[in-house]
Amino acid sequence: MKSGWGQSVHAGVPVGATLQWGITVLSNQGWAEFVYRSPVQSLIFHTVRQQYYCHSGYGLGNLGGPSWDLEIRRVERTDPIAVYLSPAYIAGHQCNWDTPNMPW
């Protein structure tokens, strides 16, 4: 569950350097906290990290979907990060892809 601050960053409320700083905090310290608080760390596969990175770094507003659903059943992306994290593609898969590369 994101904090109020995390919700505001996800909504794109801060601007400029403040927004970029918020995204960095969500992507790095947020991931570390997610791993620390996870009850079964052995189920945190690379695809979960990819989904988290997609939501925290590029899923501002509803571009990455209204919620951050991290599912272990999702396949690991094999296409380059620049492709699966491209805003044009995020709008289509909302960080919830079904294939290892495009199309999602």
PDB file of N, CA and C in Angstrom:
ATOM      1  N   MET A   1       0.849  -1.171   0.000  1.00  0.00           N
ATOM      2  CA  MET A   1       0.000   0.000   0.000  1.00  0.00           C
ATOM      3  C   MET A   1       0.896   1.236   0.000  1.00  0.00           C
ATOM      4  N   LYS A   2       0.671   2.109  -0.962  1.00  0.00           N
ATOM      5  CA  LYS A   2       1.459   3.336  -1.020  1.00  0.00           C
ATOM      6  C   LYS A   2       0.966   4.320   0.035  1.00  0.00           C
ATOM      7  N   SER A   3       1.911   5.094   0.577  1.00  0.00           N
ATOM      8  CA  SER A   3       1.562   6.150   1.525  1.00  0.00           C
ATOM      9  C   SER A   3       0.877   7.291   0.776  1.00  0.00           C
ATOM     10  N   GLY A   4       0.392   8.272   1.503  1.00  0.00           N
ATOM     11  CA  GLY A   4      -0.198   9.454   0.872  1.00  0.00           C
ATOM     12  C   GLY A   4       0.808  10.144  -0.036  1.00  0.00           C
ATOM     13  N   TRP A   5       2.052  10.221   0.431  1.00  0.00           N
ATOM     14  CA  TRP A   5       3.108  10.812  -0.383  1.00  0.00           C
ATOM     15  C   TRP A   5       3.329   9.992  -1.647  1.00  0.00           C
ATOM     16  N   GLY A   6       3.391   8.666  -1.500  1.00  0.00           N
ATOM     17  CA  GLY A   6       3.569   7.784  -2.645  1.00  0.00           C
ATOM     18  C   GLY A   6       2.418   7.919  -3.634  1.00  0.00           C
ATOM     19  N   GLN A   7       1.207   8.059  -3.112  1.00  0.00           N
ATOM     20  CA  GLN A   7       0.044   8.257  -3.987  1.00  0.00           C
ATOM     21  C   GLN A   7       0.177   9.556  -4.779  1.00  0.00           C
ATOM     22  N   SER A   8       0.659  10.625  -4.121  1.00  0.00           N
ATOM     23  CA  SER A   8       0.787  11.901  -4.818  1.00  0.00           C
ATOM     24  C   SER A   8       1.873  11.839  -5.896  1.00  0.00           C
ATOM     25  N   VAL A   9       2.968  11.133  -5.620  1.00  0.00           N
ATOM     26  CA  VAL A   9       4.009  10.963  -6.640  1.00  0.00           C
ATOM     27  C   VAL A   9       3.451  10.150  -7.802  1.00  0.00           C
ATOM     28  N   HIS A  10       2.744   9.067  -7.495  1.00  0.00           N
ATOM     29  CA  HIS A  10       2.161   8.223  -8.540  1.00  0.00           C
ATOM     30  C   HIS A  10       1.163   9.012  -9.379  1.00  0.00           C
ATOM     31  N   ALA A  11       0.449   9.940  -8.758  1.00  0.00           N
ATOM     32  CA  ALA A  11      -0.522  10.763  -9.483  1.00  0.00           C
ATOM     33  C   ALA A  11       0.151  11.879 -10.272  1.00  0.00           C
ATOM     34  N   GLY A  12       1.468  12.096 -10.068  1.00  0.00           N
ATOM     35  CA  GLY A  12       2.187  13.140 -10.784  1.00  0.00           C
ATOM     36  C   GLY A  12       1.977  14.525 -10.212  1.00  0.00           C
ATOM     37  N   VAL A  13       1.590  14.610  -8.924  1.00  0.00           N
ATOM     38  CA  VAL A  13       1.322  15.901  -8.298  1.00  0.00           C
ATOM     39  C   VAL A  13       2.585  16.762  -8.185  1.00  0.00           C
ATOM     40  N   PRO A  14       3.697  16.237  -7.622  1.00  0.00           N
ATOM     41  CA  PRO A  14       4.910  17.065  -7.610  1.00  0.00           C
ATOM     42  C   PRO A  14       5.386  17.300  -9.054  1.00  0.00           C
ATOM     43  N   VAL A  15       6.154  18.334  -9.243  1.00  0.00           N
ATOM     44  CA  VAL A  15       6.634  18.631 -10.597  1.00  0.00           C
ATOM     45  C   VAL A  15       8.151  18.738 -10.624  1.00  0.00           C
ATOM     46  N   GLY A  16       8.706  18.630 -11.822  1.00  0.00           N
ATOM     47  CA  GLY A  16      10.129  18.840 -12.036  1.00  0.00           C
ATOM     48  C   GLY A  16      11.013  17.909 -11.228  1.00  0.00           C
ATOM     49  N   ALA A  17      12.022  18.510 -10.596  1.00  0.00           N
ATOM     50  CA  ALA A  17      13.012  17.730  -9.852  1.00  0.00           C
ATOM     51  C   ALA A  17      12.377  16.999  -8.676  1.00  0.00           C
ATOM     52  N   THR A  18      11.350  17.582  -8.067  1.00  0.00           N
ATOM     53  CA  THR A  18      10.683  16.940  -6.939  1.00  0.00           C
ATOM     54  C   THR A  18      10.009  15.650  -7.384  1.00  0.00           C
ATOM     55  N   LEU A  19       9.383  15.678  -8.548  1.00  0.00           N
ATOM     56  CA  LEU A  19       8.738  14.474  -9.073  1.00  0.00           C
ATOM     57  C   LEU A  19       9.792  13.417  -9.397  1.00  0.00           C
ATOM     58  N   GLN A  20      10.886  13.824 -10.032  1.00  0.00           N
ATOM     59  CA  GLN A  20      11.936  12.868 -10.374  1.00  0.00           C
ATOM     60  C   GLN A  20      12.541  12.251  -9.117  1.00  0.00           C
ATOM     61  N   TRP A  21      12.739  13.057  -8.081  1.00  0.00           N
ATOM     62  CA  TRP A  21      13.251  12.547  -6.806  1.00  0.00           C
ATOM     63  C   TRP A  21      12.271  11.533  -6.221  1.00  0.00           C
ATOM     64  N   GLY A  22      10.975  11.842  -6.281  1.00  0.00           N
ATOM     65  CA  GLY A  22       9.955  10.931  -5.767  1.00  0.00           C
ATOM     66  C   GLY A  22       9.954   9.606  -6.503  1.00  0.00           C
ATOM     67  N   ILE A  23      10.102   9.645  -7.810  1.00  0.00           N
ATOM     68  CA  ILE A  23      10.143   8.426  -8.613  1.00  0.00           C
ATOM     69  C   ILE A  23      11.366   7.593  -8.222  1.00  0.00           C
ATOM     70  N   THR A  24      12.494   8.254  -8.010  1.00  0.00           N
ATOM     71  CA  THR A  24      13.716   7.551  -7.609  1.00  0.00           C
ATOM     72  C   THR A  24      13.529   6.875  -6.255  1.00  0.00           C
ATOM     73  N   VAL A  25      12.920   7.568  -5.312  1.00  0.00           N
ATOM     74  CA  VAL A  25      12.674   6.992  -3.989  1.00  0.00           C
ATOM     75  C   VAL A  25      11.733   5.794  -4.101  1.00  0.00           C
ATOM     76  N   LEU A  26      10.631   5.939  -4.856  1.00  0.00           N
ATOM     77  CA  LEU A  26       9.705   4.820  -5.023  1.00  0.00           C
ATOM     78  C   LEU A  26      10.395   3.629  -5.675  1.00  0.00           C
ATOM     79  N   SER A  27      11.228   3.906  -6.681  1.00  0.00           N
ATOM     80  CA  SER A  27      11.878   2.824  -7.417  1.00  0.00           C
ATOM     81  C   SER A  27      12.932   2.102  -6.593  1.00  0.00           C
ATOM     82  N   ASN A  28      13.677   2.810  -5.769  1.00  0.00           N
ATOM     83  CA  ASN A  28      14.786   2.205  -5.032  1.00  0.00           C
ATOM     84  C   ASN A  28      14.416   1.819  -3.602  1.00  0.00           C
ATOM     85  N   GLN A  29      14.157   2.796  -2.766  1.00  0.00           N
ATOM     86  CA  GLN A  29      13.825   2.504  -1.375  1.00  0.00           C
ATOM     87  C   GLN A  29      12.477   1.780  -1.275  1.00  0.00           C
ATOM     88  N   GLY A  30      11.555   2.109  -2.168  1.00  0.00           N
ATOM     89  CA  GLY A  30      10.264   1.429  -2.174  1.00  0.00           C
ATOM     90  C   GLY A  30      10.416  -0.052  -2.484  1.00  0.00           C
ATOM     91  N   TRP A  31      11.297  -0.369  -3.445  1.00  0.00           N
ATOM     92  CA  TRP A  31      11.544  -1.773  -3.774  1.00  0.00           C
ATOM     93  C   TRP A  31      12.172  -2.499  -2.590  1.00  0.00           C
ATOM     94  N   ALA A  32      13.139  -1.865  -1.953  1.00  0.00           N
ATOM     95  CA  ALA A  32      13.797  -2.486  -0.802  1.00  0.00           C
ATOM     96  C   ALA A  32      12.784  -2.761   0.309  1.00  0.00           C
ATOM     97  N   GLU A  33      11.874  -1.834   0.536  1.00  0.00           N
ATOM     98  CA  GLU A  33      10.856  -2.041   1.561  1.00  0.00           C
ATOM     99  C   GLU A  33       9.895  -3.151   1.149  1.00  0.00           C
ATOM    100  N   PHE A  34       9.527  -3.183  -0.118  1.00  0.00           N
ATOM    101  CA  PHE A  34       8.644  -4.248  -0.612  1.00  0.00           C
ATOM    102  C   PHE A  34       9.269  -5.622  -0.354  1.00  0.00           C
ATOM    103  N   VAL A  35      10.535  -5.772  -0.705  1.00  0.00           N
ATOM    104  CA  VAL A  35      11.221  -7.049  -0.498  1.00  0.00           C
ATOM    105  C   VAL A  35      11.287  -7.376   0.992  1.00  0.00           C
ATOM    106  N   TYR A  36      11.647  -6.399   1.801  1.00  0.00           N
ATOM    107  CA  TYR A  36      11.773  -6.610   3.242  1.00  0.00           C
ATOM    108  C   TYR A  36      10.455  -7.063   3.871  1.00  0.00           C
ATOM    109  N   ARG A  37       9.348  -6.471   3.423  1.00  0.00           N
ATOM    110  CA  ARG A  37       8.043  -6.774   4.016  1.00  0.00           C
ATOM    111  C   ARG A  37       7.344  -7.980   3.386  1.00  0.00           C
ATOM    112  N   SER A  38       7.886  -8.495   2.312  1.00  0.00           N
ATOM    113  CA  SER A  38       7.247  -9.630   1.646  1.00  0.00           C
ATOM    114  C   SER A  38       7.332 -10.879   2.516  1.00  0.00           C
ATOM    115  N   PRO A  39       6.200 -11.552   2.727  1.00  0.00           N
ATOM    116  CA  PRO A  39       6.213 -12.730   3.590  1.00  0.00           C
ATOM    117  C   PRO A  39       6.941 -13.930   2.977  1.00  0.00           C
ATOM    118  N   VAL A  40       6.989 -14.004   1.646  1.00  0.00           N
ATOM    119  CA  VAL A  40       7.652 -15.131   0.979  1.00  0.00           C
ATOM    120  C   VAL A  40       8.606 -14.556  -0.076  1.00  0.00           C
ATOM    121  N   GLN A  41       9.795 -14.199   0.362  1.00  0.00           N
ATOM    122  CA  GLN A  41      10.742 -13.557  -0.538  1.00  0.00           C
ATOM    123  C   GLN A  41      11.190 -14.470  -1.670  1.00  0.00           C
ATOM    124  N   SER A  42      11.092 -15.763  -1.498  1.00  0.00           N
ATOM    125  CA  SER A  42      11.500 -16.693  -2.561  1.00  0.00           C
ATOM    126  C   SER A  42      10.568 -16.629  -3.768  1.00  0.00           C
ATOM    127  N   LEU A  43       9.409 -15.984  -3.635  1.00  0.00           N
ATOM    128  CA  LEU A  43       8.472 -15.844  -4.755  1.00  0.00           C
ATOM    129  C   LEU A  43       8.623 -14.514  -5.489  1.00  0.00           C
ATOM    130  N   ILE A  44       9.631 -13.736  -5.107  1.00  0.00           N
ATOM    131  CA  ILE A  44       9.856 -12.465  -5.789  1.00  0.00           C
ATOM    132  C   ILE A  44      10.766 -12.736  -6.985  1.00  0.00           C
ATOM    133  N   PHE A  45      10.141 -13.115  -8.075  1.00  0.00           N
ATOM    134  CA  PHE A  45      10.867 -13.416  -9.303  1.00  0.00           C
ATOM    135  C   PHE A  45      11.225 -12.125 -10.031  1.00  0.00           C
ATOM    136  N   HIS A  46      12.083 -12.243 -11.040  1.00  0.00           N
ATOM    137  CA  HIS A  46      12.506 -11.063 -11.798  1.00  0.00           C
ATOM    138  C   HIS A  46      11.308 -10.345 -12.424  1.00  0.00           C
ATOM    139  N   THR A  47      10.296 -11.083 -12.825  1.00  0.00           N
ATOM    140  CA  THR A  47       9.126 -10.430 -13.411  1.00  0.00           C
ATOM    141  C   THR A  47       8.446  -9.497 -12.408  1.00  0.00           C
ATOM    142  N   VAL A  48       8.480  -9.846 -11.131  1.00  0.00           N
ATOM    143  CA  VAL A  48       7.887  -8.985 -10.110  1.00  0.00           C
ATOM    144  C   VAL A  48       8.670  -7.681 -10.042  1.00  0.00           C
ATOM    145  N   ARG A  49       9.990  -7.775 -10.095  1.00  0.00           N
ATOM    146  CA  ARG A  49      10.834  -6.565 -10.095  1.00  0.00           C
ATOM    147  C   ARG A  49      10.554  -5.739 -11.342  1.00  0.00           C
ATOM    148  N   GLN A  50      10.398  -6.368 -12.485  1.00  0.00           N
ATOM    149  CA  GLN A  50      10.095  -5.642 -13.717  1.00  0.00           C
ATOM    150  C   GLN A  50       8.758  -4.908 -13.600  1.00  0.00           C
ATOM    151  N   GLN A  51       7.762  -5.576 -13.055  1.00  0.00           N
ATOM    152  CA  GLN A  51       6.455  -4.942 -12.896  1.00  0.00           C
ATOM    153  C   GLN A  51       6.541  -3.766 -11.924  1.00  0.00           C
ATOM    154  N   TYR A  52       7.254  -3.966 -10.816  1.00  0.00           N
ATOM    155  CA  TYR A  52       7.400  -2.898  -9.828  1.00  0.00           C
ATOM    156  C   TYR A  52       8.105  -1.695 -10.458  1.00  0.00           C
ATOM    157  N   TYR A  53       9.182  -1.956 -11.186  1.00  0.00           N
ATOM    158  CA  TYR A  53       9.934  -0.873 -11.818  1.00  0.00           C
ATOM    159  C   TYR A  53       9.059  -0.139 -12.828  1.00  0.00           C
ATOM    160  N   CYS A  54       8.261  -0.872 -13.562  1.00  0.00           N
ATOM    161  CA  CYS A  54       7.351  -0.267 -14.530  1.00  0.00           C
ATOM    162  C   CYS A  54       6.371   0.668 -13.824  1.00  0.00           C
ATOM    163  N   HIS A  55       5.730   0.180 -12.766  1.00  0.00           N
ATOM    164  CA  HIS A  55       4.757   0.994 -12.040  1.00  0.00           C
ATOM    165  C   HIS A  55       5.403   2.198 -11.373  1.00  0.00           C
ATOM    166  N   SER A  56       6.508   1.980 -10.679  1.00  0.00           N
ATOM    167  CA  SER A  56       7.101   3.071  -9.907  1.00  0.00           C
ATOM    168  C   SER A  56       7.791   4.112 -10.774  1.00  0.00           C
ATOM    169  N   GLY A  57       8.416   3.689 -11.841  1.00  0.00           N
ATOM    170  CA  GLY A  57       9.165   4.632 -12.657  1.00  0.00           C
ATOM    171  C   GLY A  57       8.417   5.229 -13.825  1.00  0.00           C
ATOM    172  N   TYR A  58       7.420   4.515 -14.311  1.00  0.00           N
ATOM    173  CA  TYR A  58       6.786   4.970 -15.539  1.00  0.00           C
ATOM    174  C   TYR A  58       5.271   4.907 -15.502  1.00  0.00           C
ATOM    175  N   GLY A  59       4.718   4.463 -14.415  1.00  0.00           N
ATOM    176  CA  GLY A  59       3.269   4.326 -14.348  1.00  0.00           C
ATOM    177  C   GLY A  59       2.582   5.497 -13.695  1.00  0.00           C
ATOM    178  N   LEU A  60       3.026   6.712 -13.977  1.00  0.00           N
ATOM    179  CA  LEU A  60       2.415   7.885 -13.354  1.00  0.00           C
ATOM    180  C   LEU A  60       0.967   8.039 -13.807  1.00  0.00           C
ATOM    181  N   GLY A  61       0.155   8.565 -12.907  1.00  0.00           N
ATOM    182  CA  GLY A  61      -1.260   8.700 -13.205  1.00  0.00           C
ATOM    183  C   GLY A  61      -1.841   7.322 -13.427  1.00  0.00           C
ATOM    184  N   ASN A  62      -2.646   7.176 -14.441  1.00  0.00           N
ATOM    185  CA  ASN A  62      -3.211   5.866 -14.746  1.00  0.00           C
ATOM    186  C   ASN A  62      -2.500   5.209 -15.911  1.00  0.00           C
ATOM    187  N   LEU A  63      -1.371   5.763 -16.364  1.00  0.00           N
ATOM    188  CA  LEU A  63      -0.639   5.168 -17.475  1.00  0.00           C
ATOM    189  C   LEU A  63      -0.269   3.729 -17.161  1.00  0.00           C
ATOM    190  N   GLY A  64       0.156   3.472 -15.937  1.00  0.00           N
ATOM    191  CA  GLY A  64       0.519   2.111 -15.526  1.00  0.00           C
ATOM    192  C   GLY A  64      -0.609   1.393 -14.832  1.00  0.00           C
ATOM    193  N   GLY A  65      -1.816   1.844 -15.030  1.00  0.00           N
ATOM    194  CA  GLY A  65      -2.971   1.218 -14.399  1.00  0.00           C
ATOM    195  C   GLY A  65      -3.295   1.874 -13.066  1.00  0.00           C
ATOM    196  N   PRO A  66      -4.514   1.697 -12.585  1.00  0.00           N
ATOM    197  CA  PRO A  66      -4.939   2.351 -11.347  1.00  0.00           C
ATOM    198  C   PRO A  66      -4.333   1.750 -10.084  1.00  0.00           C
ATOM    199  N   SER A  67      -3.824   0.521 -10.168  1.00  0.00           N
ATOM    200  CA  SER A  67      -3.218  -0.105  -8.991  1.00  0.00           C
ATOM    201  C   SER A  67      -1.926  -0.799  -9.399  1.00  0.00           C
ATOM    202  N   TRP A  68      -1.137  -1.131  -8.404  1.00  0.00           N
ATOM    203  CA  TRP A  68       0.125  -1.819  -8.647  1.00  0.00           C
ATOM    204  C   TRP A  68      -0.060  -3.288  -8.303  1.00  0.00           C
ATOM    205  N   ASP A  69      -0.489  -4.056  -9.248  1.00  0.00           N
ATOM    206  CA  ASP A  69      -0.683  -5.485  -9.043  1.00  0.00           C
ATOM    207  C   ASP A  69       0.571  -6.204  -9.515  1.00  0.00           C
ATOM    208  N   LEU A  70       1.297  -6.806  -8.587  1.00  0.00           N
ATOM    209  CA  LEU A  70       2.536  -7.509  -8.909  1.00  0.00           C
ATOM    210  C   LEU A  70       2.262  -9.008  -8.831  1.00  0.00           C
ATOM    211  N   GLU A  71       2.233  -9.643  -9.983  1.00  0.00           N
ATOM    212  CA  GLU A  71       1.831 -11.046 -10.038  1.00  0.00           C
ATOM    213  C   GLU A  71       2.989 -11.940 -10.442  1.00  0.00           C
ATOM    214  N   ILE A  72       3.191 -13.005  -9.693  1.00  0.00           N
ATOM    215  CA  ILE A  72       4.294 -13.916  -9.983  1.00  0.00           C
ATOM    216  C   ILE A  72       4.029 -14.742 -11.239  1.00  0.00           C
ATOM    217  N   ARG A  73       2.797 -14.818 -11.683  1.00  0.00           N
ATOM    218  CA  ARG A  73       2.466 -15.608 -12.868  1.00  0.00           C
ATOM    219  C   ARG A  73       2.843 -14.899 -14.171  1.00  0.00           C
ATOM    220  N   ARG A  74       3.106 -13.613 -14.120  1.00  0.00           N
ATOM    221  CA  ARG A  74       3.468 -12.873 -15.331  1.00  0.00           C
ATOM    222  C   ARG A  74       4.837 -13.334 -15.833  1.00  0.00           C
ATOM    223  N   VAL A  75       4.965 -13.397 -17.135  1.00  0.00           N
ATOM    224  CA  VAL A  75       6.235 -13.819 -17.711  1.00  0.00           C
ATOM    225  C   VAL A  75       7.261 -12.703 -17.583  1.00  0.00           C
ATOM    226  N   GLU A  76       8.507 -13.101 -17.539  1.00  0.00           N
ATOM    227  CA  GLU A  76       9.601 -12.128 -17.505  1.00  0.00           C
ATOM    228  C   GLU A  76       9.741 -11.516 -18.887  1.00  0.00           C
ATOM    229  N   ARG A  77       9.899 -10.202 -18.937  1.00  0.00           N
ATOM    230  CA  ARG A  77      10.081  -9.518 -20.224  1.00  0.00           C
ATOM    231  C   ARG A  77      11.486  -9.797 -20.733  1.00  0.00           C
ATOM    232  N   THR A  78      11.590 -10.084 -22.021  1.00  0.00           N
ATOM    233  CA  THR A  78      12.900 -10.321 -22.621  1.00  0.00           C
ATOM    234  C   THR A  78      13.276  -9.219 -23.602  1.00  0.00           C
ATOM    235  N   ASP A  79      12.298  -8.389 -23.974  1.00  0.00           N
ATOM    236  CA  ASP A  79      12.644  -7.289 -24.865  1.00  0.00           C
ATOM    237  C   ASP A  79      13.369  -6.203 -24.067  1.00  0.00           C
ATOM    238  N   PRO A  80      14.083  -5.329 -24.735  1.00  0.00           N
ATOM    239  CA  PRO A  80      14.868  -4.311 -24.022  1.00  0.00           C
ATOM    240  C   PRO A  80      13.989  -3.432 -23.134  1.00  0.00           C
ATOM    241  N   ILE A  81      14.553  -3.008 -22.029  1.00  0.00           N
ATOM    242  CA  ILE A  81      13.814  -2.185 -21.074  1.00  0.00           C
ATOM    243  C   ILE A  81      13.229  -0.938 -21.741  1.00  0.00           C
ATOM    244  N   ALA A  82      13.936  -0.373 -22.700  1.00  0.00           N
ATOM    245  CA  ALA A  82      13.439   0.818 -23.393  1.00  0.00           C
ATOM    246  C   ALA A  82      12.154   0.530 -24.161  1.00  0.00           C
ATOM    247  N   VAL A  83      11.948  -0.731 -24.547  1.00  0.00           N
ATOM    248  CA  VAL A  83      10.728  -1.095 -25.268  1.00  0.00           C
ATOM    249  C   VAL A  83       9.583  -1.304 -24.296  1.00  0.00           C
ATOM    250  N   TYR A  84       9.772  -2.171 -23.292  1.00  0.00           N
ATOM    251  CA  TYR A  84       8.630  -2.463 -22.425  1.00  0.00           C
ATOM    252  C   TYR A  84       8.303  -1.326 -21.470  1.00  0.00           C
ATOM    253  N   LEU A  85       9.233  -0.387 -21.285  1.00  0.00           N
ATOM    254  CA  LEU A  85       8.942   0.787 -20.462  1.00  0.00           C
ATOM    255  C   LEU A  85       8.687   2.035 -21.293  1.00  0.00           C
ATOM    256  N   SER A  86       8.480   1.866 -22.572  1.00  0.00           N
ATOM    257  CA  SER A  86       8.129   2.990 -23.436  1.00  0.00           C
ATOM    258  C   SER A  86       6.704   3.431 -23.114  1.00  0.00           C
ATOM    259  N   PRO A  87       6.465   4.732 -22.915  1.00  0.00           N
ATOM    260  CA  PRO A  87       5.101   5.194 -22.611  1.00  0.00           C
ATOM    261  C   PRO A  87       4.058   4.702 -23.615  1.00  0.00           C
ATOM    262  N   ALA A  88       4.431   4.579 -24.869  1.00  0.00           N
ATOM    263  CA  ALA A  88       3.480   4.106 -25.875  1.00  0.00           C
ATOM    264  C   ALA A  88       3.031   2.679 -25.579  1.00  0.00           C
ATOM    265  N   TYR A  89       3.937   1.839 -25.101  1.00  0.00           N
ATOM    266  CA  TYR A  89       3.587   0.458 -24.795  1.00  0.00           C
ATOM    267  C   TYR A  89       2.963   0.321 -23.410  1.00  0.00           C
ATOM    268  N   ILE A  90       3.394   1.137 -22.467  1.00  0.00           N
ATOM    269  CA  ILE A  90       2.817   1.074 -21.120  1.00  0.00           C
ATOM    270  C   ILE A  90       1.325   1.357 -21.172  1.00  0.00           C
ATOM    271  N   ALA A  91       0.924   2.294 -22.018  1.00  0.00           N
ATOM    272  CA  ALA A  91      -0.497   2.598 -22.150  1.00  0.00           C
ATOM    273  C   ALA A  91      -1.286   1.363 -22.571  1.00  0.00           C
ATOM    274  N   GLY A  92      -0.657   0.458 -23.308  1.00  0.00           N
ATOM    275  CA  GLY A  92      -1.329  -0.755 -23.755  1.00  0.00           C
ATOM    276  C   GLY A  92      -1.324  -1.864 -22.727  1.00  0.00           C
ATOM    277  N   HIS A  93      -0.173  -2.100 -22.081  1.00  0.00           N
ATOM    278  CA  HIS A  93      -0.110  -3.224 -21.139  1.00  0.00           C
ATOM    279  C   HIS A  93      -0.282  -2.805 -19.684  1.00  0.00           C
ATOM    280  N   GLN A  94      -0.161  -1.525 -19.372  1.00  0.00           N
ATOM    281  CA  GLN A  94      -0.309  -0.987 -18.017  1.00  0.00           C
ATOM    282  C   GLN A  94       0.503  -1.789 -16.988  1.00  0.00           C
ATOM    283  N   CYS A  95       1.705  -2.178 -17.401  1.00  0.00           N
ATOM    284  CA  CYS A  95       2.640  -2.921 -16.550  1.00  0.00           C
ATOM    285  C   CYS A  95       2.133  -4.327 -16.222  1.00  0.00           C
ATOM    286  N   ASN A  96       1.187  -4.814 -16.992  1.00  0.00           N
ATOM    287  CA  ASN A  96       0.604  -6.148 -16.804  1.00  0.00           C
ATOM    288  C   ASN A  96       0.620  -6.882 -18.133  1.00  0.00           C
ATOM    289  N   TRP A  97       1.777  -7.343 -18.543  1.00  0.00           N
ATOM    290  CA  TRP A  97       1.922  -8.002 -19.829  1.00  0.00           C
ATOM    291  C   TRP A  97       1.679  -9.495 -19.735  1.00  0.00           C
ATOM    292  N   ASP A  98       1.439 -10.097 -20.896  1.00  0.00           N
ATOM    293  CA  ASP A  98       1.154 -11.534 -20.957  1.00  0.00           C
ATOM    294  C   ASP A  98       2.164 -12.319 -21.782  1.00  0.00           C
ATOM    295  N   THR A  99       3.074 -11.625 -22.448  1.00  0.00           N
ATOM    296  CA  THR A  99       4.069 -12.292 -23.283  1.00  0.00           C
ATOM    297  C   THR A  99       5.458 -11.785 -22.921  1.00  0.00           C
ATOM    298  N   PRO A 100       6.522 -12.529 -23.271  1.00  0.00           N
ATOM    299  CA  PRO A 100       7.856 -12.102 -22.907  1.00  0.00           C
ATOM    300  C   PRO A 100       8.379 -10.915 -23.718  1.00  0.00           C
ATOM    301  N   ASN A 101       7.728 -10.602 -24.832  1.00  0.00           N
ATOM    302  CA  ASN A 101       8.127  -9.426 -25.613  1.00  0.00           C
ATOM    303  C   ASN A 101       6.922  -8.901 -26.381  1.00  0.00           C
ATOM    304  N   MET A 102       7.098  -7.813 -27.089  1.00  0.00           N
ATOM    305  CA  MET A 102       5.977  -7.193 -27.785  1.00  0.00           C
ATOM    306  C   MET A 102       5.432  -8.139 -28.847  1.00  0.00           C
ATOM    307  N   PRO A 103       4.130  -8.146 -29.082  1.00  0.00           N
ATOM    308  CA  PRO A 103       3.105  -7.364 -28.387  1.00  0.00           C
ATOM    309  C   PRO A 103       2.852  -7.908 -26.987  1.00  0.00           C
ATOM    310  N   TRP A 104       2.303  -7.081 -26.132  1.00  0.00           N
ATOM    311  CA  TRP A 104       2.119  -7.452 -24.735  1.00  0.00           C
ATOM    312  C   TRP A 104       1.038  -8.472 -24.586  1.00  0.00           C
TER     313      TRP A 104
END
